[in-house]
Amino acid sequence: MMNLRAVAIALVLALLAIFAMLNWVPFTTPTPLTLGFTDVNAPLGLIMLVVTGGLSALFLIYILFQQAGVIMESRRFAKELKAQRELADQAEASRFTELRGFLEAELRRIEAQSSALGRETSARVEQLEQRLLQQLGESTRSLSAYVGEVDDKLDRAFPRTS
C-alpha cells in the first residue's frame, strides 16, 4: 500500500503533466532568453519542464541509493543479531552442561556419604537432594529469564527484517 507521501508526489506529478498538456502551445513558444553572455530564442516552458523532469529523476536515483543502503545495513544488523543469539545459546548450553556435571558429582558424593552413614542420614540426604533439585529448578528458570530479557532487548534494538 502506498503511503501518503508517495500518493502526494504522484498527484503533483500528474497535475504537472496535465498542466503541460493543456498549455503545450505556450510551453513550446520561443521566448528571448539571456544566458549571461548571449541571448537566444528558446521555449522557456519546455526548458523548465525538462529541468523539473531531470530533478525528479535525480531525486528518484538518490532515494533508490538511500533505500539500498538501508536494506544492506539492516541485513548486516540481522546477521550480527543472529550471531549474538547463537553465542548466547551456546553460553546457556555450556552453563547447563556445567551445572548438570556439578550436580551429578554432588549427588554421587552425597550418595557415597549416605551409604557410609547408613539409614540415619538417608532422610537428610533426600532432603538435601530435594533442596538441590529445587535450587536447580530456580537457577534454570532465572537463567532462562535472563536469556529471554537479553533476547527481547536485542529484538528491540535490532528489529528483524523479512
Protein backbone atom coordinates (compact mmCIF):
# COMPACT_ATOMS: atom_id res chain seq x y z
CA MET A 1 0.00 0.00 0.00
CA MET A 2 1.35 3.40 -0.95
CA ASN A 3 1.89 5.82 1.88
CA LEU A 4 0.62 9.39 1.94
CA ARG A 5 3.87 10.94 0.70
CA ALA A 6 4.02 8.70 -2.38
CA VAL A 7 0.40 9.49 -3.21
CA ALA A 8 1.05 13.23 -2.82
CA ILE A 9 4.12 13.10 -5.08
CA ALA A 10 2.27 11.08 -7.74
CA LEU A 11 -0.63 13.54 -7.59
CA VAL A 12 1.66 16.56 -8.03
CA LEU A 13 3.45 14.94 -10.98
CA ALA A 14 0.12 14.02 -12.59
CA LEU A 15 -1.14 17.60 -12.16
CA LEU A 16 2.09 18.93 -13.69
CA ALA A 17 1.70 16.60 -16.69
CA ILE A 18 -1.93 17.66 -17.20
CA PHE A 19 -0.94 21.33 -16.91
CA ALA A 20 1.81 20.86 -19.50
CA MET A 21 -0.56 19.10 -21.95
CA LEU A 22 -3.25 21.78 -21.58
CA ASN A 23 -0.70 24.54 -22.18
CA TRP A 24 1.52 22.84 -24.78
CA VAL A 25 1.47 25.72 -27.26
CA PRO A 26 2.62 28.36 -24.72
CA PHE A 27 5.19 25.87 -23.39
CA THR A 28 6.75 25.47 -26.84
CA THR A 29 6.54 29.11 -27.91
CA PRO A 30 10.06 30.53 -28.30
CA THR A 31 10.93 33.30 -25.87
CA PRO A 32 14.00 35.55 -25.86
CA LEU A 33 16.29 34.30 -23.04
CA THR A 34 19.52 35.75 -21.69
CA LEU A 35 22.24 33.27 -20.74
CA GLY A 36 24.53 35.99 -19.34
CA PHE A 37 26.92 36.18 -22.24
CA THR A 38 24.48 35.78 -25.13
CA ASP A 39 20.80 36.00 -25.98
CA VAL A 40 18.85 33.08 -27.50
CA ASN A 41 15.29 32.29 -28.50
CA ALA A 42 14.07 29.06 -26.86
CA PRO A 43 10.82 27.69 -25.41
CA LEU A 44 11.05 28.66 -21.71
CA GLY A 45 8.19 26.36 -20.64
CA LEU A 46 9.79 23.33 -22.27
CA ILE A 47 13.17 24.13 -20.67
CA MET A 48 11.54 24.40 -17.24
CA LEU A 49 9.63 21.16 -17.82
CA VAL A 50 12.86 19.32 -18.76
CA VAL A 51 14.63 20.76 -15.70
CA THR A 52 11.76 19.59 -13.47
CA GLY A 53 11.92 16.11 -15.00
CA GLY A 54 15.70 15.98 -14.57
CA LEU A 55 15.48 17.00 -10.91
CA SER A 56 12.76 14.42 -10.33
CA ALA A 57 14.95 11.72 -11.87
CA LEU A 58 17.92 12.76 -9.70
CA PHE A 59 15.78 12.64 -6.55
CA LEU A 60 14.46 9.21 -7.54
CA ILE A 61 18.00 7.89 -8.03
CA TYR A 62 19.03 9.41 -4.68
CA ILE A 63 16.11 7.72 -2.90
CA LEU A 64 16.90 4.37 -4.52
CA PHE A 65 20.53 4.51 -3.37
CA GLN A 66 19.47 5.51 0.13
CA GLN A 67 16.94 2.64 0.34
CA ALA A 68 19.57 0.18 -0.89
CA GLY A 69 21.93 1.36 1.85
CA VAL A 70 19.24 0.96 4.50
CA ILE A 71 18.44 -2.56 3.29
CA MET A 72 22.11 -3.56 3.31
CA GLU A 73 22.58 -2.14 6.81
CA SER A 74 19.50 -3.94 8.14
CA ARG A 75 20.79 -7.22 6.68
CA ARG A 76 24.12 -6.66 8.38
CA PHE A 77 22.36 -5.97 11.70
CA ALA A 78 20.26 -9.12 11.23
CA LYS A 79 23.42 -11.19 10.72
CA GLU A 80 25.04 -9.66 13.80
CA LEU A 81 21.88 -10.31 15.82
CA LYS A 82 21.81 -13.94 14.68
CA ALA A 83 25.46 -14.38 15.66
CA GLN A 84 24.79 -12.85 19.09
CA ARG A 85 21.79 -15.13 19.61
CA GLU A 86 23.84 -18.19 18.69
CA LEU A 87 26.58 -17.08 21.08
CA ALA A 88 24.03 -16.61 23.88
CA ASP A 89 22.51 -20.03 23.16
CA GLN A 90 25.94 -21.67 23.27
CA ALA A 91 26.76 -19.93 26.55
CA GLU A 92 23.45 -21.04 28.03
CA ALA A 93 24.00 -24.64 26.89
CA SER A 94 27.52 -24.73 28.36
CA ARG A 95 26.22 -23.36 31.68
CA PHE A 96 23.55 -26.05 31.80
CA THR A 97 26.10 -28.75 30.98
CA GLU A 98 28.45 -27.43 33.65
CA LEU A 99 25.63 -27.26 36.19
CA ARG A 100 24.49 -30.79 35.34
CA GLY A 101 28.05 -32.13 35.79
CA PHE A 102 28.39 -30.34 39.12
CA LEU A 103 25.05 -31.69 40.32
CA GLU A 104 25.86 -35.23 39.27
CA ALA A 105 29.20 -35.04 41.11
CA GLU A 106 27.48 -33.67 44.19
CA LEU A 107 24.81 -36.35 44.07
CA ARG A 108 27.47 -39.06 43.74
CA ARG A 109 29.34 -37.56 46.69
CA ILE A 110 26.15 -37.39 48.72
CA GLU A 111 25.25 -40.98 47.81
CA ALA A 112 28.70 -42.13 48.84
CA GLN A 113 28.39 -40.33 52.15
CA SER A 114 24.87 -41.62 52.73
CA SER A 115 25.89 -45.23 52.17
CA ALA A 116 28.69 -44.75 54.69
CA LEU A 117 26.45 -43.12 57.26
CA GLY A 118 23.62 -45.60 56.89
CA ARG A 119 19.91 -45.18 57.27
CA GLU A 120 20.04 -42.37 59.79
CA THR A 121 21.32 -39.86 57.30
CA SER A 122 19.29 -41.22 54.40
CA ALA A 123 16.36 -38.93 55.21
CA ARG A 124 18.71 -35.96 55.47
CA VAL A 125 20.29 -36.82 52.10
CA GLU A 126 16.87 -36.97 50.47
CA GLN A 127 16.08 -33.61 52.00
CA LEU A 128 19.32 -32.15 50.65
CA GLU A 129 18.66 -33.72 47.28
CA GLN A 130 15.18 -32.13 47.16
CA ARG A 131 16.63 -28.72 48.08
CA LEU A 132 19.35 -29.15 45.48
CA LEU A 133 16.76 -30.02 42.81
CA GLN A 134 14.66 -27.01 43.83
CA GLN A 135 17.68 -24.75 43.58
CA LEU A 136 18.49 -26.26 40.19
CA GLY A 137 14.95 -25.51 39.03
CA GLU A 138 15.16 -21.94 40.32
CA SER A 139 18.57 -21.45 38.69
CA THR A 140 17.25 -22.82 35.41
CA ARG A 141 14.22 -20.53 35.46
CA SER A 142 16.24 -17.44 36.35
CA LEU A 143 18.85 -18.22 33.68
CA SER A 144 16.08 -18.68 31.10
CA ALA A 145 14.52 -15.38 32.20
CA TYR A 146 17.86 -13.57 31.78
CA VAL A 147 18.37 -15.05 28.34
CA GLY A 148 14.81 -14.04 27.43
CA GLU A 149 15.44 -10.49 28.60
CA VAL A 150 18.63 -10.28 26.54
CA ASP A 151 16.76 -11.65 23.52
CA ASP A 152 13.97 -9.09 23.98
CA LYS A 153 16.48 -6.25 24.30
CA LEU A 154 18.25 -7.39 21.14
CA ASP A 155 14.90 -7.62 19.29
CA ARG A 156 14.00 -4.07 20.35
CA ALA A 157 17.45 -2.73 19.45
CA PHE A 158 17.63 -4.54 16.10
CA PRO A 159 14.17 -5.45 14.75
CA ARG A 160 14.02 -8.48 12.48
CA THR A 161 13.68 -7.99 8.78
CA SER A 162 11.79 -10.30 6.50
